[in-house]
Amino acid sequence: MFNFLGEIKDNIKNSKNFDLDSFNIINVSGRLLYVEGHLGLVSLSKELISFKVKKGVIMVEGSDMILAELSENTIKICGSINKVEQI
């Protein structure tokens, strides 16, 4: 059976930008960001949304961003996403 998130993780596992063992993240054309495994919001504005993950904080920079969905472990951000970085 095809596992979409598993395939993405396998393809970018060697990336130094993210520790994908603690969360899943999908960026669709710089217009939608979907994250599974967050641990809570840190900041929220139209230009910067940041949230905690197991080994740090993810910072999403862009313009006209909105928090379209927030649940216990998932976040969906819509807008013009320019940069996603784990610190």
N, C-alpha and C. Protein backbone atom coordinates (compact mmCIF):
# COMPACT_ATOMS: atom_id res chain seq x y z
N MET A 1 0.84 -1.18 0.00
CA MET A 1 0.00 0.00 0.00
C MET A 1 0.89 1.24 0.00
N PHE A 2 0.50 2.24 -0.77
CA PHE A 2 1.25 3.49 -0.89
C PHE A 2 1.02 4.37 0.33
N ASN A 3 2.09 4.85 0.94
CA ASN A 3 2.03 5.73 2.10
C ASN A 3 2.60 7.09 1.69
N PHE A 4 1.73 8.06 1.44
CA PHE A 4 2.13 9.36 0.93
C PHE A 4 3.15 10.05 1.84
N LEU A 5 2.84 10.17 3.13
CA LEU A 5 3.77 10.85 4.04
C LEU A 5 5.06 10.07 4.20
N GLY A 6 4.97 8.75 4.17
CA GLY A 6 6.17 7.92 4.25
C GLY A 6 7.09 8.15 3.07
N GLU A 7 6.52 8.26 1.88
CA GLU A 7 7.30 8.54 0.67
C GLU A 7 8.00 9.89 0.77
N ILE A 8 7.30 10.90 1.23
CA ILE A 8 7.90 12.23 1.38
C ILE A 8 9.05 12.17 2.37
N LYS A 9 8.84 11.52 3.50
CA LYS A 9 9.90 11.41 4.51
C LYS A 9 11.11 10.68 3.95
N ASP A 10 10.90 9.61 3.19
CA ASP A 10 12.01 8.87 2.60
C ASP A 10 12.79 9.72 1.61
N ASN A 11 12.08 10.53 0.82
CA ASN A 11 12.73 11.35 -0.19
C ASN A 11 13.56 12.49 0.37
N ILE A 12 13.21 12.99 1.56
CA ILE A 12 13.96 14.12 2.12
C ILE A 12 14.60 13.79 3.46
N LYS A 13 14.77 12.52 3.75
CA LYS A 13 15.31 12.10 5.05
C LYS A 13 16.72 12.66 5.28
N ASN A 14 17.50 12.84 4.23
CA ASN A 14 18.85 13.35 4.38
C ASN A 14 18.93 14.86 4.50
N SER A 15 17.78 15.53 4.47
CA SER A 15 17.76 16.98 4.59
C SER A 15 18.23 17.39 5.98
N LYS A 16 19.06 18.43 6.05
CA LYS A 16 19.55 18.92 7.33
C LYS A 16 18.62 19.97 7.93
N ASN A 17 17.57 20.36 7.19
CA ASN A 17 16.68 21.42 7.65
C ASN A 17 15.64 20.94 8.65
N PHE A 18 15.27 19.65 8.61
CA PHE A 18 14.18 19.17 9.44
C PHE A 18 14.51 17.84 10.08
N ASP A 19 14.02 17.64 11.29
CA ASP A 19 14.04 16.35 11.97
C ASP A 19 12.65 15.75 11.79
N LEU A 20 12.48 14.90 10.77
CA LEU A 20 11.15 14.42 10.42
C LEU A 20 10.71 13.20 11.23
N ASP A 21 11.48 12.80 12.24
CA ASP A 21 11.07 11.67 13.06
C ASP A 21 10.01 12.08 14.08
N SER A 22 9.87 13.36 14.35
CA SER A 22 8.92 13.80 15.36
C SER A 22 7.68 14.49 14.80
N PHE A 23 7.68 14.80 13.50
CA PHE A 23 6.52 15.45 12.89
C PHE A 23 6.52 15.21 11.39
N ASN A 24 5.37 15.42 10.77
CA ASN A 24 5.23 15.36 9.31
C ASN A 24 4.85 16.74 8.82
N ILE A 25 5.43 17.16 7.70
CA ILE A 25 5.14 18.48 7.16
C ILE A 25 5.03 18.40 5.64
N ILE A 26 4.01 19.05 5.11
CA ILE A 26 3.80 19.10 3.66
C ILE A 26 3.57 20.55 3.26
N ASN A 27 4.35 21.03 2.29
CA ASN A 27 4.20 22.37 1.74
C ASN A 27 3.70 22.20 0.31
N VAL A 28 2.50 22.69 0.03
CA VAL A 28 1.90 22.55 -1.29
C VAL A 28 2.01 23.88 -2.03
N SER A 29 2.96 23.93 -2.95
CA SER A 29 3.15 25.08 -3.85
C SER A 29 3.30 26.42 -3.14
N GLY A 30 3.77 26.42 -1.92
CA GLY A 30 3.94 27.67 -1.20
C GLY A 30 2.64 28.37 -0.84
N ARG A 31 1.53 27.66 -0.95
CA ARG A 31 0.22 28.25 -0.64
C ARG A 31 -0.47 27.55 0.54
N LEU A 32 -0.03 26.34 0.87
CA LEU A 32 -0.65 25.57 1.95
C LEU A 32 0.43 24.78 2.66
N LEU A 33 0.42 24.83 3.97
CA LEU A 33 1.36 24.04 4.77
C LEU A 33 0.54 23.22 5.75
N TYR A 34 0.77 21.90 5.74
CA TYR A 34 0.05 20.99 6.63
C TYR A 34 1.08 20.29 7.50
N VAL A 35 0.86 20.30 8.82
CA VAL A 35 1.81 19.72 9.76
C VAL A 35 1.07 18.80 10.71
N GLU A 36 1.63 17.60 10.91
CA GLU A 36 1.15 16.67 11.92
C GLU A 36 2.24 16.54 12.98
N GLY A 37 1.87 16.61 14.24
CA GLY A 37 2.82 16.40 15.32
C GLY A 37 3.32 17.66 15.99
N HIS A 38 2.59 18.77 15.88
CA HIS A 38 3.02 19.99 16.57
C HIS A 38 2.70 19.88 18.06
N LEU A 39 3.35 20.73 18.84
CA LEU A 39 3.16 20.73 20.29
C LEU A 39 2.63 22.05 20.82
N GLY A 40 2.12 22.90 19.94
CA GLY A 40 1.54 24.17 20.37
C GLY A 40 2.09 25.37 19.63
N LEU A 41 1.26 26.41 19.54
CA LEU A 41 1.66 27.65 18.87
C LEU A 41 2.59 28.47 19.74
N VAL A 42 3.51 29.17 19.10
CA VAL A 42 4.40 30.10 19.77
C VAL A 42 4.01 31.53 19.41
N SER A 43 3.81 31.79 18.11
CA SER A 43 3.39 33.12 17.67
C SER A 43 2.48 33.00 16.46
N LEU A 44 1.64 34.03 16.29
CA LEU A 44 0.67 34.00 15.20
C LEU A 44 0.45 35.41 14.67
N SER A 45 0.81 35.63 13.40
CA SER A 45 0.52 36.88 12.71
C SER A 45 0.39 36.56 11.22
N LYS A 46 0.03 37.55 10.42
CA LYS A 46 -0.11 37.32 8.99
C LYS A 46 1.23 37.10 8.30
N GLU A 47 2.33 37.52 8.94
CA GLU A 47 3.67 37.39 8.36
C GLU A 47 4.50 36.28 8.98
N LEU A 48 4.17 35.85 10.20
CA LEU A 48 4.97 34.83 10.90
C LEU A 48 4.07 33.95 11.77
N ILE A 49 4.17 32.66 11.55
CA ILE A 49 3.49 31.69 12.41
C ILE A 49 4.56 30.72 12.87
N SER A 50 4.69 30.54 14.17
CA SER A 50 5.66 29.59 14.68
C SER A 50 4.99 28.67 15.69
N PHE A 51 5.49 27.44 15.74
CA PHE A 51 4.92 26.44 16.63
C PHE A 51 6.01 25.46 17.05
N LYS A 52 5.78 24.83 18.19
CA LYS A 52 6.73 23.89 18.76
C LYS A 52 6.58 22.52 18.12
N VAL A 53 7.73 21.84 17.96
CA VAL A 53 7.78 20.43 17.61
C VAL A 53 8.71 19.77 18.62
N LYS A 54 8.84 18.47 18.55
CA LYS A 54 9.58 17.74 19.57
C LYS A 54 11.00 18.27 19.81
N LYS A 55 11.71 18.63 18.75
CA LYS A 55 13.10 19.06 18.91
C LYS A 55 13.33 20.50 18.48
N GLY A 56 12.39 21.40 18.77
CA GLY A 56 12.60 22.79 18.42
C GLY A 56 11.33 23.52 18.08
N VAL A 57 11.49 24.51 17.22
CA VAL A 57 10.38 25.37 16.79
C VAL A 57 10.43 25.49 15.28
N ILE A 58 9.27 25.42 14.64
CA ILE A 58 9.15 25.66 13.21
C ILE A 58 8.66 27.08 13.02
N MET A 59 9.37 27.85 12.19
CA MET A 59 8.98 29.21 11.86
C MET A 59 8.54 29.25 10.40
N VAL A 60 7.33 29.76 10.16
CA VAL A 60 6.78 29.88 8.82
C VAL A 60 6.64 31.37 8.53
N GLU A 61 7.36 31.84 7.50
CA GLU A 61 7.32 33.24 7.12
C GLU A 61 6.61 33.39 5.78
N GLY A 62 5.85 34.47 5.64
CA GLY A 62 5.15 34.72 4.40
C GLY A 62 4.30 35.97 4.50
N SER A 63 3.23 36.01 3.71
CA SER A 63 2.31 37.15 3.75
C SER A 63 0.89 36.65 3.62
N ASP A 64 -0.02 37.40 4.20
CA ASP A 64 -1.45 37.06 4.17
C ASP A 64 -1.72 35.63 4.62
N MET A 65 -0.96 35.15 5.61
CA MET A 65 -1.15 33.79 6.10
C MET A 65 -2.27 33.75 7.14
N ILE A 66 -3.03 32.66 7.11
CA ILE A 66 -4.06 32.43 8.11
C ILE A 66 -3.91 31.01 8.65
N LEU A 67 -4.31 30.84 9.87
CA LEU A 67 -4.33 29.52 10.49
C LEU A 67 -5.69 28.91 10.16
N ALA A 68 -5.72 28.07 9.13
CA ALA A 68 -6.99 27.53 8.63
C ALA A 68 -7.49 26.38 9.49
N GLU A 69 -6.58 25.68 10.16
CA GLU A 69 -6.98 24.56 11.01
C GLU A 69 -5.97 24.39 12.14
N LEU A 70 -6.48 24.17 13.32
CA LEU A 70 -5.63 23.90 14.48
C LEU A 70 -6.34 22.85 15.33
N SER A 71 -5.71 21.71 15.49
CA SER A 71 -6.26 20.68 16.37
C SER A 71 -5.16 20.24 17.33
N GLU A 72 -5.42 19.22 18.07
CA GLU A 72 -4.48 18.77 19.10
C GLU A 72 -3.09 18.48 18.54
N ASN A 73 -3.01 17.93 17.32
CA ASN A 73 -1.68 17.64 16.77
C ASN A 73 -1.50 18.06 15.31
N THR A 74 -2.49 18.73 14.70
CA THR A 74 -2.33 19.16 13.31
C THR A 74 -2.53 20.67 13.16
N ILE A 75 -1.82 21.22 12.18
CA ILE A 75 -1.94 22.64 11.84
C ILE A 75 -2.03 22.72 10.32
N LYS A 76 -2.93 23.58 9.83
CA LYS A 76 -2.99 23.89 8.40
C LYS A 76 -2.91 25.40 8.25
N ILE A 77 -1.90 25.84 7.50
CA ILE A 77 -1.65 27.26 7.27
C ILE A 77 -1.87 27.54 5.79
N CYS A 78 -2.65 28.57 5.49
CA CYS A 78 -2.90 28.98 4.10
C CYS A 78 -2.37 30.40 3.92
N GLY A 79 -1.96 30.72 2.70
CA GLY A 79 -1.46 32.05 2.38
C GLY A 79 -0.26 31.94 1.46
N SER A 80 0.51 32.99 1.40
CA SER A 80 1.72 33.00 0.59
C SER A 80 2.90 32.65 1.50
N ILE A 81 3.38 31.43 1.40
CA ILE A 81 4.44 30.92 2.30
C ILE A 81 5.78 31.05 1.58
N ASN A 82 6.68 31.83 2.17
CA ASN A 82 7.98 32.09 1.56
C ASN A 82 9.11 31.25 2.16
N LYS A 83 8.99 30.95 3.46
CA LYS A 83 10.11 30.26 4.13
C LYS A 83 9.57 29.42 5.27
N VAL A 84 10.10 28.19 5.40
CA VAL A 84 9.77 27.30 6.52
C VAL A 84 11.10 26.83 7.08
N GLU A 85 11.32 27.06 8.38
CA GLU A 85 12.61 26.78 8.98
C GLU A 85 12.44 26.20 10.37
N GLN A 86 13.24 25.20 10.70
CA GLN A 86 13.27 24.64 12.06
C GLN A 86 14.46 25.23 12.81
N ILE A 87 14.19 25.76 14.02
CA ILE A 87 15.27 26.31 14.84
C ILE A 87 15.32 25.58 16.16
